[in-house]
Protein backbone atom coordinates (compact mmCIF):
# COMPACT_ATOMS: atom_id res chain seq x y z
CA MET A 1 12.35 18.83 -8.95
CA LEU A 2 13.76 15.69 -7.37
CA LEU A 3 16.09 15.90 -4.38
CA ARG A 4 17.23 12.61 -2.92
CA ARG A 5 19.58 12.24 0.06
CA PHE A 6 21.92 9.28 0.50
CA PHE A 7 23.43 8.63 3.93
CA GLU A 8 26.43 6.38 4.46
CA GLY A 9 26.35 5.44 8.13
CA SER A 10 29.91 4.12 8.30
CA LEU A 11 31.15 7.61 7.44
CA ALA A 12 28.21 9.67 8.75
CA GLN A 13 28.32 11.10 5.22
CA ALA A 14 25.52 12.52 3.08
CA SER A 15 25.40 12.93 -0.69
CA TYR A 16 22.60 14.20 -2.91
CA MET A 17 20.95 13.64 -6.25
CA VAL A 18 19.18 16.68 -7.68
CA GLY A 19 17.07 16.14 -10.77
CA CYS A 20 14.59 17.77 -13.10
CA GLN A 21 11.59 15.48 -13.41
CA ALA A 22 10.45 17.24 -16.56
CA THR A 23 13.62 16.37 -18.50
CA GLY A 24 14.79 13.29 -16.58
CA GLU A 25 18.26 14.75 -15.98
CA ALA A 26 20.15 14.69 -12.68
CA ILE A 27 23.33 15.80 -10.96
CA VAL A 28 24.96 13.96 -8.04
CA VAL A 29 26.78 15.97 -5.36
CA ASP A 30 29.51 14.47 -3.14
CA PRO A 31 29.23 10.79 -4.14
CA ASN A 32 31.28 8.29 -2.19
CA ARG A 33 33.01 5.29 -3.74
CA ASP A 34 29.96 3.03 -3.84
CA VAL A 35 28.80 4.51 -7.14
CA ASP A 36 26.34 1.68 -7.82
CA VAL A 37 24.09 3.26 -5.20
CA TYR A 38 23.65 6.35 -7.37
CA LEU A 39 23.33 4.44 -10.63
CA ARG A 40 20.57 2.28 -9.15
CA ALA A 41 18.80 5.31 -7.70
CA ALA A 42 18.87 7.11 -11.04
CA GLU A 43 17.37 4.07 -12.72
CA ASP A 44 14.68 3.77 -10.05
CA GLU A 45 13.79 7.46 -10.42
CA GLY A 46 13.84 7.40 -14.22
CA MET A 47 16.77 9.82 -14.28
CA THR A 48 19.94 10.05 -16.34
CA ILE A 49 22.98 11.34 -14.46
CA ARG A 50 24.30 14.15 -16.64
CA GLN A 51 26.66 15.86 -14.20
CA VAL A 52 28.67 14.90 -11.10
CA THR A 53 30.26 17.35 -8.67
CA GLU A 54 31.52 17.72 -5.14
CA THR A 55 31.71 20.52 -2.62
CA HIS A 56 35.43 20.13 -1.84
CA ILE A 57 38.44 17.83 -1.71
CA HIS A 58 37.34 15.40 0.97
CA ALA A 59 39.54 14.16 3.81
CA ASP A 60 37.35 11.53 5.44
CA PHE A 61 36.52 9.25 2.51
CA LEU A 62 37.68 8.47 -0.99
CA SER A 63 35.61 10.40 -3.50
CA GLY A 64 33.48 8.54 -6.04
CA ALA A 65 32.96 11.59 -8.28
CA ARG A 66 35.60 10.61 -10.82
CA GLU A 67 34.36 7.03 -11.09
CA LEU A 68 30.67 7.93 -11.19
CA ALA A 69 31.29 10.43 -14.01
CA ARG A 70 33.08 7.75 -16.00
CA ARG A 71 30.51 5.05 -15.32
CA SER A 72 27.53 7.26 -16.16
CA GLY A 73 29.09 9.25 -19.00
CA ALA A 74 28.37 12.44 -17.05
CA THR A 75 30.38 15.66 -17.04
CA LEU A 76 32.59 16.09 -13.99
CA LEU A 77 32.40 19.53 -12.33
CA LEU A 78 35.19 20.52 -9.91
CA SER A 79 36.13 23.60 -7.92
CA ALA A 80 38.68 25.97 -9.44
CA GLU A 81 38.81 28.05 -6.27
CA GLY A 82 41.33 27.82 -3.43
CA GLY A 83 44.61 28.77 -5.08
CA ASP A 84 47.28 26.78 -6.88
CA ASP A 85 47.90 24.27 -4.08
CA TRP A 86 44.32 23.01 -4.02
CA GLN A 87 43.49 22.45 -7.66
CA TYR A 88 42.35 19.01 -8.84
CA ALA A 89 45.34 17.47 -10.59
CA PHE A 90 43.18 15.12 -12.68
CA ALA A 91 40.64 17.72 -13.87
CA GLU A 92 42.08 18.13 -17.37
CA GLU A 93 42.50 14.37 -17.86
CA GLU A 94 38.82 13.83 -17.02
CA GLY A 95 37.61 16.75 -19.16
CA ALA A 96 36.15 18.40 -16.08
CA ARG A 97 34.37 21.72 -16.10
CA LEU A 98 35.91 24.03 -13.52
CA LEU A 99 33.60 25.96 -11.21
CA ARG A 100 34.07 29.42 -9.75
CA ASP A 101 32.04 31.62 -7.46
CA GLY A 102 28.97 32.94 -9.25
CA ASP A 103 28.78 30.16 -11.85
CA GLU A 104 25.56 28.25 -12.50
CA ILE A 105 24.88 24.60 -13.17
CA ARG A 106 21.69 23.82 -15.07
CA ILE A 107 19.85 20.51 -14.92
CA GLY A 108 16.68 20.95 -16.95
CA ASN A 109 14.56 23.46 -15.04
CA VAL A 110 16.76 23.23 -11.94
CA THR A 111 19.69 25.56 -11.30
CA LEU A 112 22.56 25.12 -8.86
CA GLY A 113 24.28 28.37 -8.01
CA VAL A 114 27.97 28.15 -7.11
CA LEU A 115 29.13 29.91 -3.94
CA HIS A 116 32.74 29.85 -2.80
CA THR A 117 32.59 29.20 0.97
CA PRO A 118 36.20 28.63 2.12
CA GLY A 119 37.24 27.87 5.68
CA HIS A 120 36.91 24.15 6.08
CA THR A 121 39.06 23.93 2.96
CA PRO A 122 40.32 26.70 0.65
CA GLU A 123 38.43 25.42 -2.44
CA HIS A 124 35.11 24.63 -0.73
CA LEU A 125 31.89 25.32 -2.65
CA THR A 126 28.27 25.52 -1.55
CA PHE A 127 25.45 25.00 -4.05
CA SER A 128 22.19 26.95 -3.90
CA VAL A 129 19.30 24.94 -5.36
CA THR A 130 16.54 26.64 -7.35
CA ASP A 131 13.53 24.78 -8.74
CA GLY A 132 12.80 26.92 -11.77
CA ALA A 133 9.43 25.27 -12.32
CA ALA A 134 8.25 26.64 -8.97
CA SER A 135 10.19 29.86 -8.35
CA ASP A 136 13.15 31.94 -9.38
CA ARG A 137 14.35 31.96 -5.78
CA PRO A 138 16.54 29.22 -4.25
CA MET A 139 14.89 26.76 -1.89
CA GLY A 140 18.01 25.46 -0.17
CA LEU A 141 21.76 25.12 0.12
CA ILE A 142 23.87 21.97 -0.29
CA THR A 143 26.57 22.99 2.16
CA GLY A 144 29.03 20.07 2.16
CA ASP A 145 31.38 20.45 5.12
CA PHE A 146 30.88 24.20 5.48
CA LEU A 147 27.66 24.34 7.50
CA PHE A 148 26.17 21.41 9.41
CA VAL A 149 23.12 21.01 11.59
CA GLY A 150 24.24 22.63 14.84
CA ASP A 151 27.86 23.04 13.82
CA VAL A 152 30.32 24.22 11.17
CA GLY A 153 33.15 22.49 9.36
CA ARG A 154 36.43 22.41 11.21
CA PRO A 155 39.13 24.71 9.78
CA ASP A 156 42.10 22.88 11.30
CA LEU A 157 42.33 19.80 9.06
CA LEU A 158 44.79 21.26 6.56
CA GLU A 159 47.25 21.77 9.39
CA ARG A 160 46.47 18.84 11.68
CA ALA A 161 45.75 16.19 9.05
CA ALA A 162 47.43 17.34 5.84
CA GLY A 163 50.44 18.95 7.52
CA VAL A 164 50.07 22.42 5.97
CA ALA A 165 51.57 24.59 8.69
CA ASP A 166 50.02 27.78 10.08
CA THR A 167 46.67 27.44 8.32
CA MET A 168 44.25 26.84 11.22
CA GLU A 169 43.64 30.44 12.21
CA GLU A 170 43.54 31.66 8.62
CA GLY A 171 41.01 28.94 7.82
CA ALA A 172 38.90 29.93 10.82
CA ARG A 173 38.81 33.55 9.67
CA ARG A 174 37.80 32.51 6.17
CA LEU A 175 35.10 30.32 7.67
CA TRP A 176 33.76 33.31 9.61
CA ALA A 177 33.61 35.34 6.39
CA SER A 178 31.71 32.52 4.68
CA LEU A 179 29.22 32.42 7.56
CA GLU A 180 28.74 36.16 7.32
CA ARG A 181 27.97 35.73 3.63
CA VAL A 182 25.20 33.18 4.21
CA ARG A 183 23.90 35.06 7.27
CA ALA A 184 22.51 37.63 4.86
CA MET A 185 20.51 34.99 2.95
CA PRO A 186 16.81 34.25 3.59
CA ASP A 187 15.93 32.28 6.71
CA TYR A 188 13.66 29.89 4.81
CA LEU A 189 16.55 28.28 2.94
CA GLN A 190 16.89 24.61 3.77
CA ILE A 191 20.33 23.32 4.76
CA PHE A 192 21.47 20.00 3.29
CA PRO A 193 24.83 19.23 4.95
CA GLY A 194 27.51 16.74 3.96
CA HIS A 195 27.75 14.99 7.34
CA GLY A 196 25.76 14.10 10.42
CA ALA A 197 26.51 13.07 13.98
CA GLY A 198 29.55 10.81 14.24
CA SER A 199 31.70 12.58 11.67
CA ALA A 200 35.15 13.87 12.63
CA CYS A 201 34.72 16.82 10.22
CA GLY A 202 33.19 18.84 13.05
CA LYS A 203 32.96 18.64 16.83
CA ALA A 204 29.23 18.81 17.63
CA LEU A 205 27.26 17.74 14.55
CA GLY A 206 23.54 17.22 15.04
CA ALA A 207 21.81 13.93 14.28
CA VAL A 208 18.89 15.62 12.50
CA PRO A 209 19.47 15.22 8.74
CA THR A 210 18.51 18.74 7.62
CA SER A 211 17.82 22.18 9.03
CA THR A 212 16.99 25.68 7.86
CA LEU A 213 19.29 28.66 7.75
CA GLY A 214 16.91 30.58 10.01
CA TYR A 215 17.00 27.87 12.66
CA GLU A 216 20.79 27.68 12.53
CA LYS A 217 20.96 31.45 12.96
CA LEU A 218 18.70 31.09 15.98
CA VAL A 219 20.42 28.20 17.80
CA GLY A 220 23.69 27.33 16.05
CA TRP A 221 26.65 28.16 18.27
CA ALA A 222 28.67 29.66 15.41
CA PHE A 223 26.00 32.23 14.60
CA GLN A 224 25.86 33.29 18.25
CA CYS A 225 29.48 34.49 18.23
CA ARG A 226 29.63 38.27 18.58
CA ASP A 227 32.68 38.81 16.41
CA GLU A 228 35.37 37.12 14.38
CA GLN A 229 37.85 36.72 17.23
CA GLU A 230 35.32 34.95 19.46
CA PHE A 231 34.43 32.62 16.60
CA VAL A 232 38.08 31.82 15.83
CA GLN A 233 38.73 30.92 19.45
CA LYS A 234 35.64 28.73 19.79
CA VAL A 235 35.89 26.93 16.47
CA LEU A 236 39.48 25.86 17.14
CA GLU A 237 38.97 24.60 20.69
CA ASP A 238 38.15 20.97 21.51
CA GLN A 239 38.27 19.72 17.94
CA PRO A 240 38.60 15.91 17.87
CA GLU A 241 41.84 14.31 16.78
CA PRO A 242 41.69 13.78 12.99
CA PRO A 243 42.08 10.10 12.06
CA ARG A 244 45.43 9.25 10.52
CA TYR A 245 43.93 8.24 7.18
CA PHE A 246 42.60 11.77 6.56
CA ALA A 247 45.94 12.92 5.16
CA ARG A 248 46.00 10.09 2.63
CA MET A 249 42.41 10.73 1.54
CA LYS A 250 43.15 14.42 1.05
CA GLN A 251 46.09 13.70 -1.22
CA LEU A 252 44.36 10.99 -3.25
CA ASN A 253 41.21 13.04 -3.72
CA ARG A 254 43.24 15.99 -4.96
CA ASP A 255 45.61 14.06 -7.21
CA GLY A 256 43.14 11.47 -8.52
CA PRO A 257 41.17 8.90 -6.50
CA PRO A 258 41.80 5.38 -7.81
CA LEU A 259 38.88 3.70 -9.55
CA LEU A 260 37.32 0.88 -7.55
CA GLY A 261 35.26 -1.07 -10.06
CA THR A 262 33.83 -3.62 -7.64
CA PHE A 263 34.39 -4.25 -3.96
CA PRO A 264 37.06 -6.84 -3.16
CA VAL A 265 35.80 -10.37 -2.54
CA PRO A 266 38.30 -12.09 -0.25
CA GLY A 267 38.70 -15.84 -0.44
CA ARG A 268 38.73 -18.01 2.65
CA ALA A 269 42.21 -18.89 3.80
CA GLU A 270 43.48 -22.19 5.10
CA PRO A 271 43.32 -22.06 8.91
CA GLY A 272 46.99 -22.94 9.27
CA SER A 273 48.16 -19.97 7.20
CA LEU A 274 47.32 -17.35 9.81
CA ALA A 275 50.69 -17.63 11.54
CA ALA A 276 52.52 -16.98 8.28
CA ALA A 277 50.43 -13.86 7.62
CA LEU A 278 51.33 -12.46 11.05
CA GLU A 279 54.99 -13.30 10.54
CA ARG A 280 54.96 -11.33 7.29
CA GLY A 281 53.72 -8.31 9.21
CA GLU A 282 50.29 -8.39 7.57
CA PRO A 283 47.54 -7.31 9.96
CA VAL A 284 44.79 -9.77 10.81
CA VAL A 285 41.71 -7.95 12.06
CA ASP A 286 39.47 -9.92 14.40
CA LEU A 287 35.98 -8.56 13.70
CA ARG A 288 34.33 -10.23 16.67
CA HIS A 289 32.89 -8.35 19.64
CA ARG A 290 35.36 -7.75 22.42
CA ASP A 291 33.47 -10.13 24.73
CA GLU A 292 34.10 -13.01 22.33
CA VAL A 293 37.74 -12.03 21.91
CA ALA A 294 38.13 -11.97 25.69
CA GLU A 295 37.29 -15.66 25.72
CA ARG A 296 40.02 -16.67 23.26
CA HIS A 297 41.95 -15.15 20.41
CA VAL A 298 45.18 -15.49 18.49
CA PRO A 299 47.86 -13.20 19.95
CA GLY A 300 48.98 -10.63 17.44
CA THR A 301 45.59 -10.18 15.81
CA LEU A 302 44.02 -6.73 16.10
CA ASN A 303 40.51 -6.67 17.55
CA ILE A 304 38.44 -3.97 15.83
CA GLY A 305 34.93 -5.26 16.38
CA TRP A 306 32.46 -4.89 13.54
CA GLY A 307 30.15 -2.05 14.51
CA GLN A 308 29.49 1.67 14.38
CA ASP A 309 33.07 2.88 14.91
CA PHE A 310 34.75 0.23 12.76
CA THR A 311 35.65 2.55 9.88
CA THR A 312 37.16 5.21 12.14
CA TRP A 313 39.49 2.85 13.97
CA ALA A 314 40.36 0.94 10.83
CA GLY A 315 41.44 4.25 9.30
CA TRP A 316 43.48 5.10 12.37
CA LEU A 317 45.26 1.77 12.75
CA LEU A 318 45.44 -0.18 9.49
CA PRO A 319 48.21 0.23 6.88
CA TYR A 320 47.70 0.96 3.19
CA ASP A 321 50.91 -0.71 2.00
CA ARG A 322 50.18 -4.31 3.06
CA PRO A 323 47.34 -6.80 2.64
CA VAL A 324 44.76 -6.71 5.44
CA HIS A 325 43.22 -10.03 6.47
CA LEU A 326 39.90 -10.37 8.28
CA LEU A 327 38.76 -12.92 10.86
CA ALA A 328 35.09 -13.53 11.62
CA GLU A 329 32.64 -16.30 12.29
CA GLU A 330 30.66 -15.69 9.10
CA ARG A 331 31.55 -14.64 5.58
CA GLY A 332 28.71 -12.08 5.64
CA THR A 333 30.46 -10.12 8.38
CA VAL A 334 33.67 -10.09 6.37
CA GLN A 335 31.96 -8.87 3.22
CA ALA A 336 30.12 -6.19 5.19
CA ALA A 337 33.46 -4.94 6.56
CA VAL A 338 35.12 -4.89 3.13
CA ARG A 339 32.77 -2.15 1.93
CA PRO A 340 33.63 0.58 4.49
CA LEU A 341 37.31 -0.31 4.19
CA ALA A 342 37.09 0.37 0.46
CA LEU A 343 35.28 3.66 1.13
CA ILE A 344 38.45 4.90 2.85
CA GLY A 345 40.76 3.39 0.24
CA ILE A 346 41.83 0.16 1.97
CA ASP A 347 41.53 -2.06 -1.09
CA ARG A 348 44.30 -4.56 -0.38
CA ILE A 349 42.14 -7.17 1.32
CA GLY A 350 44.03 -10.43 1.58
CA ALA A 351 41.90 -13.31 2.82
CA TRP A 352 39.36 -14.05 5.49
CA TYR A 353 39.71 -16.52 8.32
CA GLY A 354 36.90 -18.36 10.02
CA LEU A 355 36.94 -19.45 13.65
CA ASP A 356 38.61 -22.68 12.58
CA ALA A 357 41.78 -20.58 12.33
CA LEU A 358 41.84 -20.53 16.14
CA GLU A 359 41.95 -24.33 16.23
CA GLY A 360 44.52 -24.29 13.45
CA TRP A 361 46.67 -21.99 15.57
CA GLN A 362 46.49 -24.43 18.47
CA ARG A 363 47.27 -27.44 16.28
CA SER A 364 50.43 -25.72 15.13
CA GLY A 365 51.57 -25.28 18.73
CA GLY A 366 50.23 -21.79 19.35
CA VAL A 367 48.51 -20.75 22.55
CA LEU A 368 45.19 -18.90 22.45
CA ARG A 369 44.96 -15.92 24.76
CA GLY A 370 42.38 -13.48 25.98
CA PRO A 371 42.86 -9.89 27.19
CA ARG A 372 42.73 -9.66 30.97
CA VAL A 373 39.40 -7.89 31.39
CA VAL A 374 39.11 -6.16 34.74
CA ALA A 375 36.51 -4.12 36.61
CA TRP A 376 37.00 -0.66 38.10
CA ALA A 377 38.09 -2.13 41.43
CA ALA A 378 41.25 -3.50 39.81
CA PRO A 379 43.28 -0.51 38.50
CA THR A 380 44.10 1.04 41.87
CA PRO A 381 45.68 -2.07 43.43
CA ALA A 382 47.38 -2.85 40.12
CA VAL A 383 49.01 0.57 40.17
CA GLU A 384 49.86 0.47 43.87
CA ASP A 385 50.96 -3.15 44.23
CA GLU A 386 52.32 -3.99 40.78
CA GLU A 387 53.43 -0.57 39.58
CA ALA A 388 51.11 -0.97 36.60
CA LEU A 389 50.79 1.87 34.10
CA LEU A 390 47.21 3.19 33.95
CA VAL A 391 46.44 4.60 30.50
CA ASP A 392 43.43 6.64 29.37
CA VAL A 393 43.00 6.10 25.60
CA ARG A 394 40.13 8.56 25.09
CA SER A 395 40.25 11.84 23.17
CA GLU A 396 41.90 14.95 24.57
CA SER A 397 38.55 16.68 25.14
CA GLU A 398 37.26 13.65 27.10
CA TRP A 399 40.45 13.63 29.17
CA ASN A 400 40.07 17.35 29.89
CA ASP A 401 36.49 16.80 31.04
CA GLY A 402 37.74 14.45 33.76
CA HIS A 403 40.02 11.47 34.23
CA VAL A 404 41.30 9.03 36.81
CA PRO A 405 44.04 10.47 39.03
CA GLY A 406 47.40 8.91 38.28
CA ALA A 407 46.50 7.91 34.72
CA VAL A 408 48.47 9.00 31.67
CA HIS A 409 46.71 10.11 28.52
CA VAL A 410 47.48 8.55 25.14
CA HIS A 411 44.91 8.75 22.36
CA LEU A 412 44.21 5.27 21.00
CA GLY A 413 45.30 6.31 17.51
CA SER A 414 48.78 7.18 18.83
CA LEU A 415 49.12 4.30 21.29
CA ALA A 416 51.51 2.14 19.25
CA GLU A 417 53.93 5.01 18.64
CA VAL A 418 53.95 6.23 22.24
CA ALA A 419 54.15 2.72 23.72
CA ALA A 420 57.23 1.91 21.64
CA SER A 421 59.37 3.40 24.44
CA TRP A 422 57.59 1.59 27.29
CA ASP A 423 58.82 -1.46 29.19
CA ARG A 424 56.97 -4.38 27.58
CA ASN A 425 57.12 -6.39 30.79
CA ARG A 426 55.45 -3.72 32.92
CA PRO A 427 51.72 -4.32 33.49
CA VAL A 428 49.49 -1.93 31.54
CA VAL A 429 45.84 -1.19 32.36
CA LEU A 430 43.79 0.66 29.73
CA TYR A 431 40.47 2.40 30.07
CA CYS A 432 38.17 4.48 27.86
CA ARG A 433 34.52 5.51 28.02
CA SER A 434 32.79 2.18 27.55
CA GLY A 435 35.43 -0.50 27.02
CA ASN A 436 35.53 -0.60 23.22
CA ARG A 437 38.61 1.53 22.63
CA SER A 438 40.49 0.01 25.54
CA ALA A 439 39.82 -3.47 24.12
CA ILE A 440 41.24 -2.38 20.76
CA GLY A 441 44.24 -0.92 22.57
CA ALA A 442 44.78 -4.11 24.56
CA SER A 443 44.94 -6.20 21.39
CA LEU A 444 47.25 -3.64 19.79
CA LEU A 445 49.73 -3.66 22.68
CA GLU A 446 49.64 -7.43 22.88
CA GLY A 447 50.58 -7.52 19.20
CA GLU A 448 53.48 -5.18 20.00
CA GLY A 449 54.88 -7.68 22.49
CA PHE A 450 53.51 -6.46 25.82
CA THR A 451 53.24 -9.40 28.18
CA ASP A 452 50.62 -8.15 30.66
CA VAL A 453 47.87 -5.95 29.23
CA ARG A 454 44.49 -5.48 30.91
CA HIS A 455 41.53 -3.32 30.03
CA VAL A 456 38.62 -2.05 32.08
CA GLU A 457 35.28 -3.36 30.87
CA GLY A 458 32.51 -0.77 30.98
CA GLY A 459 34.99 2.09 30.85
CA ILE A 460 34.88 5.22 32.91
CA ARG A 461 31.08 5.24 32.72
CA ALA A 462 31.05 2.24 35.05
CA ARG A 463 33.32 3.84 37.63
CA PRO A 464 30.90 5.98 39.65
CA ALA A 465 28.26 3.26 39.97
CA GLU A 466 30.81 0.68 41.04
CA GLU A 467 32.40 3.01 43.54
CA GLU A 468 28.97 3.81 44.97
CA ARG A 469 28.22 0.13 45.40
CA ALA A 470 31.59 -0.41 47.07
CA ALA A 471 30.92 2.47 49.45
CA ALA A 472 27.47 1.09 50.25
CA ARG A 473 28.91 -2.34 51.03
CA ALA A 474 31.50 -0.77 53.32
């Protein structure tokens, strides 16, 4: 048997290829939109992809299952569980085989058993993997977003992201029942989850790629709960805010994810056209690091620096109904950013601007600006002497763990909406954990017309050390 894991770092997402080496046949589970990755892997392994499936209707990325099945000529297998509201609308069009609890999927000598494990979503499936050439007993479970390393899938997304009211507690109770079902299975079963650390599909996902059921029973917090009520309470508390794009992904993945074909290749724009793009209300994303943006930038551009959290904040803040333009020093950075944007369905990439667009802005009479970066010594006098508004843009759980007295809490993803009622001439000072989110927020507010926006470099992590040094100097 062949089992190959694929990990997409921009989404903290794992997918799997399971194959029978005797027959050269394979199935892919939970593919993302970059289907060429799986086609190349099958060719490298001497496999033919015969079947494509997924554990559930995903919320955090656009599924590639439909496109991979078409490209490879494979049969598409989709869950038929979950009730009428959570059936795949495109299943009949694609000639999909519908899966129910207790079904089996055969790939040569390998068998995938179908287990309905609702809770994270109503239709969620887990696949037990049995290598028939070695044993008639399963060796592991592909658990999708049901069971992670050190955590379980969150049951609140239908309500908090998709807007289906009064489903959180019911989902939590179903998740408990699913855990009780797998608790009775052998400890030696390996766990192959659908996400790792950094995903918003749970609250405490481990960074280790795999685990065993026995180890999770031993140390996983969910398995330590004494009863259903304790589990329901714990699983619903301190869940991170779901990114805004989750609702769109959920709908598209249920109704029919659009086919990508190839990733967009944006052409380079004339430097002088940047002003017109901003006037049309089309976002221009400055991909540079916040330190570079602090030196000089075009007001109105949105600074989401290219890095680990790029996809999350792009999904929170970028629109789907307008072209998105990108600004970077090199074309390679732009092309690298296009890929994760496409993975969450942002396909309308307009053009890319080089740094010559900054000079073009100046030649046309524009003034380059830089966010007013301040240290932790600055917020207190700004609040006291200038009546500045001090804003904590971290998550609710971070805020609850401790915050600066006198600050107001507004999650970065909601900042534009909340700030719409603020006085745009009042000074605003933003802080977060390290300075990254506050820098994004500063560029966002500046684009909304705020005249005096500052952000604290180093974030709240820098506060104790700086205060200690100040006390020592005194």
